[in-house]
Amino acid sequence: MLRTLVSLQVFALATTDRIRRRLADDRGQSTAEYALVLLGAAGVALLLVAWATKTDKVTKLLNAVLDNVLGDAK
């Protein structure tokens, strides 16, 4: 009975120590930071696309660039 109790205490201490080390480990932290940066960049890109589709400025810019390139080539 005493041996079983001691072995259970050792198991509990080892388990809590293992959990404590795993919670203190920050190896996945950089992956989470990269994921948040990618989500932020995707959000900005979506806002830019939404703005570009509602205005005619992007079309005017591309037309002006193409007119200049094709005008110089002639």
N, C-alpha and C. Protein backbone atom coordinates (compact mmCIF):
# COMPACT_ATOMS: atom_id res chain seq x y z
N MET A 1 0.83 -1.19 0.00
CA MET A 1 0.00 0.00 0.00
C MET A 1 0.87 1.26 0.00
N LEU A 2 1.90 1.26 0.83
CA LEU A 2 2.78 2.41 0.91
C LEU A 2 3.58 2.58 -0.38
N ARG A 3 3.98 1.45 -0.98
CA ARG A 3 4.72 1.52 -2.24
C ARG A 3 3.84 2.11 -3.34
N THR A 4 2.59 1.71 -3.36
CA THR A 4 1.66 2.23 -4.36
C THR A 4 1.47 3.73 -4.19
N LEU A 5 1.34 4.18 -2.96
CA LEU A 5 1.17 5.60 -2.67
C LEU A 5 2.41 6.39 -3.08
N VAL A 6 3.59 5.87 -2.78
CA VAL A 6 4.84 6.54 -3.15
C VAL A 6 4.99 6.59 -4.68
N SER A 7 4.67 5.49 -5.34
CA SER A 7 4.80 5.48 -6.79
C SER A 7 3.79 6.44 -7.45
N LEU A 8 2.60 6.57 -6.86
CA LEU A 8 1.63 7.53 -7.37
C LEU A 8 2.12 8.96 -7.17
N GLN A 9 2.76 9.23 -6.03
CA GLN A 9 3.30 10.57 -5.79
C GLN A 9 4.43 10.89 -6.76
N VAL A 10 5.29 9.91 -7.01
CA VAL A 10 6.39 10.11 -7.97
C VAL A 10 5.83 10.36 -9.37
N PHE A 11 4.81 9.59 -9.74
CA PHE A 11 4.19 9.76 -11.04
C PHE A 11 3.55 11.15 -11.15
N ALA A 12 2.87 11.59 -10.10
CA ALA A 12 2.23 12.90 -10.11
C ALA A 12 3.27 14.01 -10.21
N LEU A 13 4.37 13.90 -9.49
CA LEU A 13 5.42 14.91 -9.56
C LEU A 13 6.07 14.94 -10.95
N ALA A 14 6.31 13.79 -11.51
CA ALA A 14 6.91 13.73 -12.83
C ALA A 14 5.96 14.31 -13.88
N THR A 15 4.69 14.02 -13.74
CA THR A 15 3.70 14.53 -14.69
C THR A 15 3.59 16.05 -14.58
N THR A 16 3.52 16.58 -13.39
CA THR A 16 3.41 18.04 -13.23
C THR A 16 4.68 18.72 -13.72
N ASP A 17 5.84 18.09 -13.50
CA ASP A 17 7.09 18.67 -13.98
C ASP A 17 7.11 18.68 -15.50
N ARG A 18 6.64 17.62 -16.14
CA ARG A 18 6.58 17.54 -17.59
C ARG A 18 5.62 18.59 -18.15
N ILE A 19 4.48 18.77 -17.50
CA ILE A 19 3.52 19.77 -17.96
C ILE A 19 4.09 21.17 -17.79
N ARG A 20 4.76 21.43 -16.69
CA ARG A 20 5.35 22.74 -16.44
C ARG A 20 6.41 23.07 -17.50
N ARG A 21 7.24 22.09 -17.85
CA ARG A 21 8.25 22.32 -18.89
C ARG A 21 7.61 22.57 -20.24
N ARG A 22 6.55 21.84 -20.56
CA ARG A 22 5.88 22.02 -21.84
C ARG A 22 5.22 23.39 -21.93
N LEU A 23 4.64 23.87 -20.84
CA LEU A 23 4.01 25.19 -20.86
C LEU A 23 5.05 26.30 -20.94
N ALA A 24 6.23 26.09 -20.41
CA ALA A 24 7.28 27.10 -20.46
C ALA A 24 8.00 27.12 -21.80
N ASP A 25 7.83 26.09 -22.61
CA ASP A 25 8.50 25.99 -23.90
C ASP A 25 7.86 26.95 -24.89
N ASP A 26 8.66 27.71 -25.62
CA ASP A 26 8.12 28.68 -26.56
C ASP A 26 8.55 28.39 -28.00
N ARG A 27 8.74 27.13 -28.33
CA ARG A 27 9.17 26.78 -29.69
C ARG A 27 8.11 27.11 -30.73
N GLY A 28 6.83 27.04 -30.41
CA GLY A 28 5.79 27.34 -31.38
C GLY A 28 5.43 28.81 -31.45
N GLN A 29 6.07 29.62 -30.64
CA GLN A 29 5.73 31.04 -30.59
C GLN A 29 5.98 31.74 -31.92
N SER A 30 7.10 31.47 -32.56
CA SER A 30 7.40 32.16 -33.81
C SER A 30 6.41 31.76 -34.91
N THR A 31 5.95 30.53 -34.89
CA THR A 31 4.96 30.09 -35.88
C THR A 31 3.67 30.86 -35.70
N ALA A 32 3.26 31.06 -34.46
CA ALA A 32 2.04 31.83 -34.19
C ALA A 32 2.21 33.29 -34.62
N GLU A 33 3.39 33.84 -34.39
CA GLU A 33 3.64 35.22 -34.80
C GLU A 33 3.61 35.35 -36.33
N TYR A 34 4.19 34.41 -37.04
CA TYR A 34 4.15 34.43 -38.50
C TYR A 34 2.71 34.34 -38.99
N ALA A 35 1.92 33.49 -38.36
CA ALA A 35 0.52 33.34 -38.77
C ALA A 35 -0.24 34.65 -38.57
N LEU A 36 0.00 35.35 -37.47
CA LEU A 36 -0.68 36.62 -37.23
C LEU A 36 -0.24 37.68 -38.24
N VAL A 37 1.04 37.70 -38.58
CA VAL A 37 1.52 38.66 -39.58
C VAL A 37 0.88 38.36 -40.94
N LEU A 38 0.78 37.09 -41.31
CA LEU A 38 0.15 36.73 -42.58
C LEU A 38 -1.32 37.11 -42.61
N LEU A 39 -2.02 36.93 -41.48
CA LEU A 39 -3.42 37.34 -41.43
C LEU A 39 -3.56 38.85 -41.57
N GLY A 40 -2.66 39.59 -40.94
CA GLY A 40 -2.68 41.05 -41.07
C GLY A 40 -2.41 41.49 -42.50
N ALA A 41 -1.43 40.87 -43.14
CA ALA A 41 -1.11 41.22 -44.53
C ALA A 41 -2.27 40.88 -45.45
N ALA A 42 -2.92 39.75 -45.21
CA ALA A 42 -4.07 39.38 -46.03
C ALA A 42 -5.22 40.37 -45.84
N GLY A 43 -5.41 40.85 -44.62
CA GLY A 43 -6.44 41.85 -44.36
C GLY A 43 -6.17 43.15 -45.10
N VAL A 44 -4.92 43.61 -45.07
CA VAL A 44 -4.55 44.83 -45.79
C VAL A 44 -4.73 44.63 -47.29
N ALA A 45 -4.36 43.47 -47.80
CA ALA A 45 -4.53 43.19 -49.23
C ALA A 45 -6.00 43.19 -49.61
N LEU A 46 -6.85 42.63 -48.76
CA LEU A 46 -8.29 42.64 -49.05
C LEU A 46 -8.84 44.06 -49.07
N LEU A 47 -8.40 44.88 -48.14
CA LEU A 47 -8.84 46.28 -48.13
C LEU A 47 -8.37 47.01 -49.39
N LEU A 48 -7.16 46.76 -49.82
CA LEU A 48 -6.63 47.38 -51.03
C LEU A 48 -7.41 46.94 -52.26
N VAL A 49 -7.72 45.68 -52.36
CA VAL A 49 -8.49 45.17 -53.50
C VAL A 49 -9.90 45.75 -53.48
N ALA A 50 -10.50 45.84 -52.30
CA ALA A 50 -11.85 46.42 -52.21
C ALA A 50 -11.83 47.88 -52.63
N TRP A 51 -10.82 48.63 -52.23
CA TRP A 51 -10.71 50.03 -52.63
C TRP A 51 -10.48 50.13 -54.14
N ALA A 52 -9.62 49.28 -54.67
CA ALA A 52 -9.28 49.36 -56.09
C ALA A 52 -10.46 49.01 -56.97
N THR A 53 -11.33 48.13 -56.52
CA THR A 53 -12.48 47.77 -57.34
C THR A 53 -13.57 48.84 -57.29
N LYS A 54 -13.59 49.65 -56.24
CA LYS A 54 -14.61 50.69 -56.14
C LYS A 54 -14.20 51.99 -56.82
N THR A 55 -12.92 52.19 -57.03
CA THR A 55 -12.46 53.42 -57.69
C THR A 55 -11.94 53.10 -59.08
N ASP A 56 -11.75 54.12 -59.86
CA ASP A 56 -11.25 53.94 -61.23
C ASP A 56 -9.78 54.35 -61.32
N LYS A 57 -9.15 54.58 -60.18
CA LYS A 57 -7.78 55.09 -60.17
C LYS A 57 -6.77 54.07 -60.66
N VAL A 58 -6.96 52.82 -60.34
CA VAL A 58 -6.01 51.79 -60.76
C VAL A 58 -6.06 51.64 -62.27
N THR A 59 -7.26 51.66 -62.83
CA THR A 59 -7.40 51.55 -64.28
C THR A 59 -6.74 52.74 -64.98
N LYS A 60 -6.95 53.93 -64.44
CA LYS A 60 -6.34 55.13 -65.03
C LYS A 60 -4.81 55.05 -64.95
N LEU A 61 -4.30 54.57 -63.83
CA LEU A 61 -2.85 54.44 -63.66
C LEU A 61 -2.27 53.46 -64.67
N LEU A 62 -2.89 52.29 -64.80
CA LEU A 62 -2.39 51.30 -65.75
C LEU A 62 -2.50 51.80 -67.19
N ASN A 63 -3.58 52.49 -67.51
CA ASN A 63 -3.72 53.04 -68.86
C ASN A 63 -2.65 54.09 -69.14
N ALA A 64 -2.36 54.93 -68.16
CA ALA A 64 -1.34 55.95 -68.35
C ALA A 64 0.03 55.32 -68.55
N VAL A 65 0.33 54.29 -67.78
CA VAL A 65 1.63 53.59 -67.91
C VAL A 65 1.73 52.95 -69.29
N LEU A 66 0.68 52.24 -69.69
CA LEU A 66 0.71 51.58 -70.99
C LEU A 66 0.77 52.59 -72.14
N ASP A 67 0.06 53.70 -72.01
CA ASP A 67 0.13 54.74 -73.05
C ASP A 67 1.54 55.31 -73.17
N ASN A 68 2.21 55.52 -72.03
CA ASN A 68 3.58 56.02 -72.06
C ASN A 68 4.55 55.01 -72.67
N VAL A 69 4.37 53.75 -72.30
CA VAL A 69 5.27 52.71 -72.83
C VAL A 69 5.04 52.53 -74.32
N LEU A 70 3.80 52.44 -74.73
CA LEU A 70 3.49 52.23 -76.14
C LEU A 70 3.74 53.50 -76.96
N GLY A 71 3.57 54.65 -76.35
CA GLY A 71 3.82 55.91 -77.05
C GLY A 71 5.31 56.10 -77.32
N ASP A 72 6.17 55.67 -76.39
CA ASP A 72 7.61 55.77 -76.59
C ASP A 72 8.10 54.74 -77.59
N ALA A 73 7.42 53.62 -77.73
CA ALA A 73 7.86 52.57 -78.62
C ALA A 73 7.56 52.90 -80.08
N LYS A 74 6.60 53.78 -80.32
CA LYS A 74 6.19 54.09 -81.72
C LYS A 74 7.13 55.02 -82.38
